Protein backbone atom coordinates (compact mmCIF):
# COMPACT_ATOMS: atom_id res chain seq x y z
CA PRO A 1 -3.58 16.26 3.20
CA LYS A 2 -2.91 19.02 5.82
CA LEU A 3 0.23 17.17 6.98
CA LEU A 4 1.73 17.60 3.48
CA GLU A 5 0.33 21.13 2.92
CA SER A 6 2.97 23.27 1.17
CA CYS A 7 4.97 20.12 0.39
CA LYS A 8 5.57 19.24 -3.24
CA VAL A 9 3.90 15.92 -4.04
CA ASN A 10 4.91 14.71 -7.50
CA GLY A 11 4.29 10.96 -7.22
CA ILE A 12 1.82 8.72 -5.35
CA MET A 13 2.29 4.95 -5.16
CA ASP A 14 -1.02 3.19 -4.52
CA ALA A 15 -0.33 -0.51 -3.76
CA GLY A 16 -3.53 -2.51 -3.72
CA ALA A 17 -5.44 0.04 -5.72
CA SER A 18 -8.57 -2.10 -6.18
CA ASN A 19 -10.95 0.14 -8.15
CA GLY A 20 -8.74 3.21 -7.72
CA ARG A 21 -10.93 4.95 -5.12
CA ILE A 22 -8.00 6.12 -2.96
CA SER A 23 -5.96 7.22 -6.01
CA ARG A 24 -8.85 9.39 -7.12
CA ARG A 25 -9.05 11.03 -3.76
CA MET A 26 -5.27 11.68 -3.62
CA LEU A 27 -5.15 13.10 -7.05
CA ARG A 28 -7.82 15.66 -5.94
CA TRP A 29 -5.76 16.52 -2.92
CA PHE A 30 -2.56 16.94 -4.93
CA PRO A 31 -3.36 18.42 -8.35
CA ASP A 32 0.22 18.27 -9.62
CA ALA A 33 0.82 14.66 -8.67
CA HIS A 34 0.73 11.43 -10.75
CA ALA A 35 -0.66 8.30 -9.18
CA TYR A 36 0.88 4.88 -10.01
CA ALA A 37 -1.83 2.37 -9.05
CA PHE A 38 -0.64 -1.25 -8.52
CA GLU A 39 -3.34 -3.84 -8.70
CA PRO A 40 -2.79 -7.47 -9.71
CA ASN A 41 -6.37 -8.61 -9.40
CA PRO A 42 -7.74 -8.97 -13.01
CA ALA A 43 -11.26 -8.19 -11.67
CA TYR A 44 -10.31 -4.45 -11.73
CA VAL A 45 -8.57 -4.13 -15.05
CA ASP A 46 -11.48 -2.62 -16.99
CA GLU A 47 -12.43 -0.12 -14.27
CA LEU A 48 -8.85 1.12 -13.83
CA ASN A 49 -8.23 1.36 -17.60
CA GLU A 50 -11.43 3.35 -17.97
CA TYR A 51 -10.38 5.85 -15.30
CA ALA A 52 -6.91 6.14 -16.87
CA GLN A 53 -8.47 7.19 -20.20
CA SER A 54 -10.23 10.13 -18.46
CA GLU A 55 -7.39 11.07 -16.11
CA SER A 56 -3.92 11.49 -17.59
CA ARG A 57 -2.31 11.60 -14.17
CA PHE A 58 -3.51 8.09 -13.27
CA HIS A 59 -1.28 5.19 -14.35
CA PRO A 60 -2.51 1.66 -13.58
CA GLN A 61 0.13 -1.03 -13.08
CA PHE A 62 -1.23 -4.54 -13.34
CA GLN A 63 1.34 -6.30 -11.10
CA ALA A 64 1.98 -6.95 -7.46
CA LEU A 65 4.61 -5.54 -5.20
CA SER A 66 6.89 -7.61 -2.98
CA ASP A 67 10.56 -8.15 -2.19
CA TYR A 68 11.54 -9.81 -5.43
CA LYS A 69 10.88 -9.56 -9.22
CA GLY A 70 9.21 -12.48 -10.99
CA SER A 71 5.87 -14.11 -10.97
CA PHE A 72 3.70 -15.76 -8.29
CA GLY A 73 0.30 -17.15 -7.62
CA LEU A 74 -2.26 -14.57 -6.48
CA THR A 75 -4.82 -16.10 -4.04
CA ILE A 76 -8.31 -15.16 -5.39
CA THR A 77 -10.74 -15.38 -2.51
CA ALA A 78 -14.54 -15.06 -2.41
CA SER A 79 -14.14 -11.60 -0.96
CA ARG A 80 -12.23 -9.15 -3.14
CA GLY A 81 -10.95 -7.56 0.06
CA SER A 82 -9.00 -10.69 1.00
CA VAL A 83 -7.18 -11.27 -2.35
CA SER A 84 -3.44 -11.47 -1.69
CA LEU A 85 -0.15 -13.00 -2.62
CA LEU A 86 -0.46 -14.67 0.80
CA LYS A 87 -2.97 -17.33 1.78
CA PRO A 88 -5.60 -16.60 4.46
CA ALA A 89 -4.43 -17.68 7.89
CA LYS A 90 -6.46 -20.06 10.01
CA TYR A 91 -7.73 -17.23 12.21
CA LEU A 92 -9.09 -15.28 9.24
CA GLN A 93 -10.82 -18.43 8.01
CA GLU A 94 -12.48 -18.72 11.41
CA ILE A 95 -13.72 -15.12 11.68
CA ALA A 96 -14.62 -14.64 7.99
CA PRO A 97 -15.32 -18.17 6.69
CA GLU A 98 -17.28 -17.12 3.62
CA GLY A 99 -15.04 -14.29 2.37
CA SER A 100 -11.76 -16.12 2.96
CA VAL A 101 -12.66 -19.09 0.84
CA VAL A 102 -10.02 -19.57 -1.89
CA ASN A 103 -11.66 -19.82 -5.32
CA LYS A 104 -8.54 -20.10 -7.42
CA THR A 105 -4.88 -19.10 -7.76
CA GLU A 106 -3.86 -16.94 -10.71
CA THR A 107 -0.28 -16.28 -11.84
CA VAL A 108 0.58 -12.58 -11.78
CA GLN A 109 3.72 -10.47 -12.32
CA VAL A 110 5.59 -9.35 -9.22
CA ASN A 111 8.04 -6.47 -8.89
CA THR A 112 9.90 -4.53 -6.22
CA ILE A 113 9.29 -0.85 -5.79
CA ASP A 114 12.98 -0.04 -6.38
CA LYS A 115 13.14 -2.01 -9.64
CA TRP A 116 9.86 -0.49 -10.86
CA VAL A 117 11.18 3.01 -10.12
CA GLU A 118 14.40 2.24 -12.03
CA GLU A 119 12.50 0.77 -14.97
CA ASN A 120 10.12 3.71 -15.23
CA GLY A 121 12.33 6.81 -15.41
CA LYS A 122 12.95 7.15 -11.65
CA PRO A 123 9.76 9.16 -10.76
CA SER A 124 9.89 10.94 -7.47
CA ILE A 125 7.51 9.28 -4.93
CA GLU A 126 6.43 11.32 -1.94
CA LEU A 127 3.28 9.40 -0.81
CA MET A 128 2.85 5.74 -0.47
CA LYS A 129 -0.35 3.84 0.25
CA PHE A 130 -0.47 0.07 1.01
CA ASP A 131 -3.47 -2.19 1.21
CA ILE A 132 -2.08 -5.55 0.17
CA GLN A 133 -3.35 -7.97 2.77
CA GLY A 134 -0.32 -8.82 4.94
CA ASN A 135 2.31 -8.37 2.24
CA GLU A 136 3.14 -4.71 3.14
CA LEU A 137 6.45 -5.41 4.87
CA LYS A 138 7.75 -7.44 1.89
CA ALA A 139 6.86 -4.65 -0.45
CA LEU A 140 8.58 -2.10 1.82
CA LYS A 141 11.75 -4.30 1.90
CA GLY A 142 11.81 -3.99 -1.83
CA ALA A 143 11.88 -0.16 -1.53
CA ASP A 144 15.17 0.46 0.10
CA ARG A 145 16.37 3.19 -2.22
CA THR A 146 12.98 4.80 -2.60
CA LEU A 147 12.48 5.03 1.14
CA LYS A 148 15.83 6.71 1.54
CA ASP A 149 15.10 9.18 -1.28
CA SER A 150 11.88 11.21 -1.44
CA VAL A 151 9.04 9.57 0.53
CA LEU A 152 7.31 11.89 3.04
CA MET A 153 4.43 9.78 4.13
CA ILE A 154 3.20 6.20 4.16
CA TYR A 155 -0.39 5.29 4.67
CA SER A 156 -0.90 1.58 5.22
CA GLU A 157 -3.28 -1.00 6.49
CA VAL A 158 -1.71 -2.85 9.41
CA CYS A 159 -2.68 -6.07 11.14
CA PHE A 160 -2.35 -6.62 14.91
CA LYS A 161 -2.86 -10.32 14.60
CA PRO A 162 -1.63 -12.51 11.66
CA LEU A 163 -4.50 -12.81 9.25
CA TYR A 164 -2.44 -14.17 6.36
CA ASP A 165 0.22 -16.86 6.36
CA ASP A 166 3.62 -15.22 6.63
CA GLY A 167 1.96 -11.80 6.85
CA ALA A 168 3.58 -9.03 8.87
CA ILE A 169 1.94 -7.36 11.87
CA PHE A 170 2.06 -3.71 12.90
CA SER A 171 5.07 -3.93 15.23
CA GLN A 172 7.24 -5.38 12.44
CA ILE A 173 6.31 -2.68 10.01
CA ASP A 174 6.72 0.03 12.63
CA LEU A 175 10.25 -1.15 13.56
CA PHE A 176 11.30 -1.52 9.96
CA LEU A 177 10.18 1.98 8.94
CA ARG A 178 11.88 3.59 12.03
CA GLU A 179 15.18 2.42 10.61
CA TYR A 180 14.46 4.77 7.66
CA GLY A 181 13.53 7.75 9.76
CA PHE A 182 9.80 7.28 9.73
CA GLU A 183 7.56 7.41 12.86
CA LEU A 184 3.96 6.59 13.53
CA TYR A 185 1.74 9.63 13.32
CA ASP A 186 -1.69 8.13 13.91
CA LEU A 187 -3.97 5.05 13.76
CA TYR A 188 -7.54 5.24 12.60
CA GLY A 189 -10.32 3.07 11.26
CA LEU A 190 -9.71 0.48 13.99
CA LYS A 191 -11.42 -2.88 13.31
CA TYR A 192 -12.28 -5.25 16.11
CA GLY A 193 -12.97 -8.99 16.08
CA PRO A 194 -14.41 -11.45 18.56
CA GLU A 195 -14.08 -10.48 22.21
CA ASN A 196 -13.35 -6.89 21.06
CA MET A 197 -9.83 -7.83 20.05
CA LEU A 198 -8.13 -5.23 17.81
CA LEU A 199 -7.45 -6.95 14.49
CA TRP A 200 -6.39 -4.20 11.98
CA ALA A 201 -6.32 -0.49 11.34
CA ASN A 202 -4.98 2.15 9.02
CA ALA A 203 -1.70 3.69 10.01
CA ILE A 204 0.06 6.91 8.89
CA PHE A 205 3.80 7.02 9.15
CA ILE A 206 5.71 10.29 8.43
CA HIS A 207 9.22 11.26 7.79
CA ARG A 208 9.30 14.23 10.06
CA GLN A 209 12.65 15.62 9.02
CA ARG A 210 11.77 15.71 5.34
CA ILE A 211 8.34 17.23 5.95
CA GLU A 212 9.74 19.91 8.21
CA THR A 213 12.41 20.73 5.67
CA ALA A 214 9.86 21.01 2.91
CA LYS A 215 7.62 23.19 5.03
CA GLY A 216 10.43 25.25 6.40
CA LYS A 217 9.03 24.92 9.90
CA PRO A 218 8.52 22.23 12.65
CA LEU A 219 5.39 20.15 12.65
CA CYS A 220 2.95 21.11 15.38
């Protein structure tokens, strides 16, 4: 939160909200913000609705984000942490054979970020968080107007080896976001697999120019 200290944060987009844990934390950090929590997995419906009843700034959205609007089959795996619009890749099945087992496929609604913003009164989004198991780049491709508008920071899980079929890796996401003026600020929570190979991490991308304009001074 120190990076955005003195910046006005009105809207938070939490893609892959699961039980809303990250949204809760961000709403504490930014007391004037509203959080729009996207979670297509029906396993979290009751928990998210319960939190929304007690927190008026929390708005669950029971749909997935990608680069098109429509419907698609959500791959429900044995591990909730592997549920995705994408299917587990062979490598993920090898290193996590129990959690990556596909139990069923459930049809869910899919939207783009730009279309959702247009359909919901064009809320200002300053902070984006993604944890959608390899589908991050597709969701970002559906956010062209939003990325050009108000976003200051993007916090995303990134893979360094494809863990999902047709899933993007870090370098693809990094190059895509640089076209919109974002740069990598830091990596943390690095996760290693067999032979100490780096598999995934959490990345923070910032739009330095917008943050410096909002702060009225350069970032250190």
